[in-house]
Amino acid sequence: MALDNHPNSIEVQAEQLERLSVKYIQDKNWDALGKMLDPACQFVSSQGSCDRAQAMTLMKQMNLGPVTFKDFKVTQAGDNVIVSFWLATTEFRDGKELSPNFSPRISVWKRVDAQWLCIAYADLIAA
């Protein structure tokens, strides 16, 4: 997804990137989700950090329920967009249901040609 440089457009489109990536997880559309992730993407959770392949394995086990977002903050640094937000959903990790309450998330997206790819993501939900 390309973001343009209109003042409000970056915020709106960055939020759309986050919503789309979550929709792909809910829909189990792993090919589309994979195309949004840079090969060097790094993920961090309460269980530590992992690479793109390990993160895809974890996401395939989440079985996300309905999702609610709030408090998006977007900043741009050159070819990078940093998005922080709060997310509430039912999700699973290692077969255990995690808290359905809002938890903070942050991601970093880098423009590669005309596409935005996620290069870092932190899921700060308590395990």
Protein backbone atom coordinates (compact mmCIF):
# COMPACT_ATOMS: atom_id res chain seq x y z
CA MET A 1 0.00 0.00 0.00
CA ALA A 2 1.42 3.37 -0.96
CA LEU A 3 1.13 6.35 1.36
CA ASP A 4 1.12 9.82 -0.09
CA ASN A 5 2.48 12.95 1.56
CA HIS A 6 -0.71 14.87 2.36
CA PRO A 7 -0.68 15.81 6.08
CA ASN A 8 -3.66 13.72 7.20
CA SER A 9 -3.20 11.06 4.58
CA ILE A 10 -0.13 9.52 6.24
CA GLU A 11 -2.03 9.04 9.49
CA VAL A 12 -5.09 7.62 7.75
CA GLN A 13 -3.15 5.29 5.51
CA ALA A 14 -0.83 4.09 8.30
CA GLU A 15 -3.93 3.16 10.31
CA GLN A 16 -5.25 1.34 7.24
CA LEU A 17 -2.00 -0.68 7.06
CA GLU A 18 -2.50 -1.84 10.65
CA ARG A 19 -6.16 -2.67 10.14
CA LEU A 20 -5.39 -4.56 6.93
CA SER A 21 -2.63 -6.64 8.51
CA VAL A 22 -4.97 -7.62 11.36
CA LYS A 23 -7.71 -8.49 8.86
CA TYR A 24 -5.28 -10.75 7.03
CA ILE A 25 -4.53 -12.55 10.32
CA GLN A 26 -8.26 -12.91 11.06
CA ASP A 27 -8.92 -14.18 7.52
CA LYS A 28 -5.87 -16.46 7.65
CA ASN A 29 -4.66 -14.85 4.41
CA TRP A 30 -1.00 -15.70 5.03
CA ASP A 31 0.21 -14.93 1.50
CA ALA A 32 -1.17 -11.38 1.60
CA LEU A 33 0.17 -10.85 5.13
CA GLY A 34 3.59 -12.14 4.12
CA LYS A 35 3.76 -9.58 1.32
CA MET A 36 3.39 -6.80 3.93
CA LEU A 37 6.42 -7.99 5.94
CA ASP A 38 10.00 -7.14 5.09
CA PRO A 39 12.24 -10.25 5.02
CA ALA A 40 14.28 -8.74 7.89
CA CYS A 41 11.20 -7.88 9.97
CA GLN A 42 11.63 -8.40 13.70
CA PHE A 43 8.80 -9.01 16.19
CA VAL A 44 8.88 -8.53 19.96
CA SER A 45 6.41 -9.78 22.56
CA SER A 46 6.47 -10.60 26.24
CA GLN A 47 8.13 -13.86 25.23
CA GLY A 48 11.09 -12.15 23.56
CA SER A 49 12.02 -11.35 19.99
CA CYS A 50 11.69 -13.44 16.88
CA ASP A 51 12.30 -13.23 13.18
CA ARG A 52 9.75 -13.03 10.39
CA ALA A 53 9.36 -16.82 9.97
CA GLN A 54 8.85 -17.39 13.70
CA ALA A 55 6.37 -14.51 13.85
CA MET A 56 4.35 -15.97 10.96
CA THR A 57 4.16 -19.28 12.86
CA LEU A 58 2.90 -17.46 15.97
CA MET A 59 0.34 -15.45 13.99
CA LYS A 60 -1.03 -18.62 12.42
CA GLN A 61 -1.86 -19.88 15.94
CA MET A 62 -3.56 -16.69 17.21
CA ASN A 63 -7.15 -17.30 16.04
CA LEU A 64 -8.03 -13.62 16.48
CA GLY A 65 -11.57 -12.74 17.40
CA PRO A 66 -13.19 -9.35 16.78
CA VAL A 67 -10.68 -6.52 17.12
CA THR A 68 -11.04 -3.00 18.51
CA PHE A 69 -8.40 -0.32 17.88
CA LYS A 70 -7.89 3.02 19.60
CA ASP A 71 -5.43 5.89 20.06
CA PHE A 72 -3.42 5.71 16.84
CA LYS A 73 -0.29 7.90 16.81
CA VAL A 74 1.68 8.18 13.58
CA THR A 75 5.04 9.82 12.95
CA GLN A 76 7.16 9.81 9.85
CA ALA A 77 10.95 9.77 9.73
CA GLY A 78 12.15 9.88 6.14
CA ASP A 79 11.10 6.64 4.46
CA ASN A 80 9.82 5.20 7.75
CA VAL A 81 6.43 5.46 9.41
CA ILE A 82 6.08 4.64 13.11
CA VAL A 83 2.60 3.64 14.27
CA SER A 84 1.60 3.14 17.89
CA PHE A 85 -1.89 2.14 18.94
CA TRP A 86 -3.93 0.12 21.42
CA LEU A 87 -5.62 -3.11 20.38
CA ALA A 88 -8.18 -5.31 22.15
CA THR A 89 -9.10 -8.79 20.94
CA THR A 90 -9.29 -12.40 21.93
CA GLU A 91 -6.07 -14.09 20.90
CA PHE A 92 -4.10 -17.16 21.81
CA ARG A 93 -0.41 -17.81 22.36
CA ASP A 94 0.87 -21.33 22.97
CA GLY A 95 -2.75 -22.48 23.20
CA LYS A 96 -3.54 -20.09 26.07
CA GLU A 97 -6.03 -17.25 25.80
CA LEU A 98 -4.46 -13.86 26.44
CA SER A 99 -6.10 -10.86 28.05
CA PRO A 100 -8.89 -9.43 25.87
CA ASN A 101 -8.22 -5.94 27.30
CA PHE A 102 -6.52 -3.15 25.37
CA SER A 103 -2.75 -3.48 25.09
CA PRO A 104 -0.19 -1.24 23.39
CA ARG A 105 1.34 -2.09 20.03
CA ILE A 106 3.94 -0.33 17.91
CA SER A 107 5.13 -0.98 14.39
CA VAL A 108 7.65 0.52 12.00
CA TRP A 109 6.99 0.54 8.28
CA LYS A 110 9.63 1.33 5.63
CA ARG A 111 8.94 2.48 2.10
CA VAL A 112 10.48 0.03 -0.36
CA ASP A 113 9.89 1.25 -3.91
CA ALA A 114 6.17 2.14 -3.91
CA GLN A 115 5.21 -0.27 -1.11
CA TRP A 116 5.24 -0.03 2.69
CA LEU A 117 6.73 -3.07 4.45
CA CYS A 118 6.67 -3.75 8.16
CA ILE A 119 10.22 -3.90 9.49
CA ALA A 120 9.45 -4.08 13.23
CA TYR A 121 6.44 -4.86 15.42
CA ALA A 122 6.04 -4.99 19.19
CA ASP A 123 3.06 -6.66 20.85
CA LEU A 124 3.05 -5.48 24.46
CA ILE A 125 0.15 -7.63 25.68
CA ALA A 126 0.72 -9.32 29.02
CA ALA A 127 1.05 -13.06 28.57
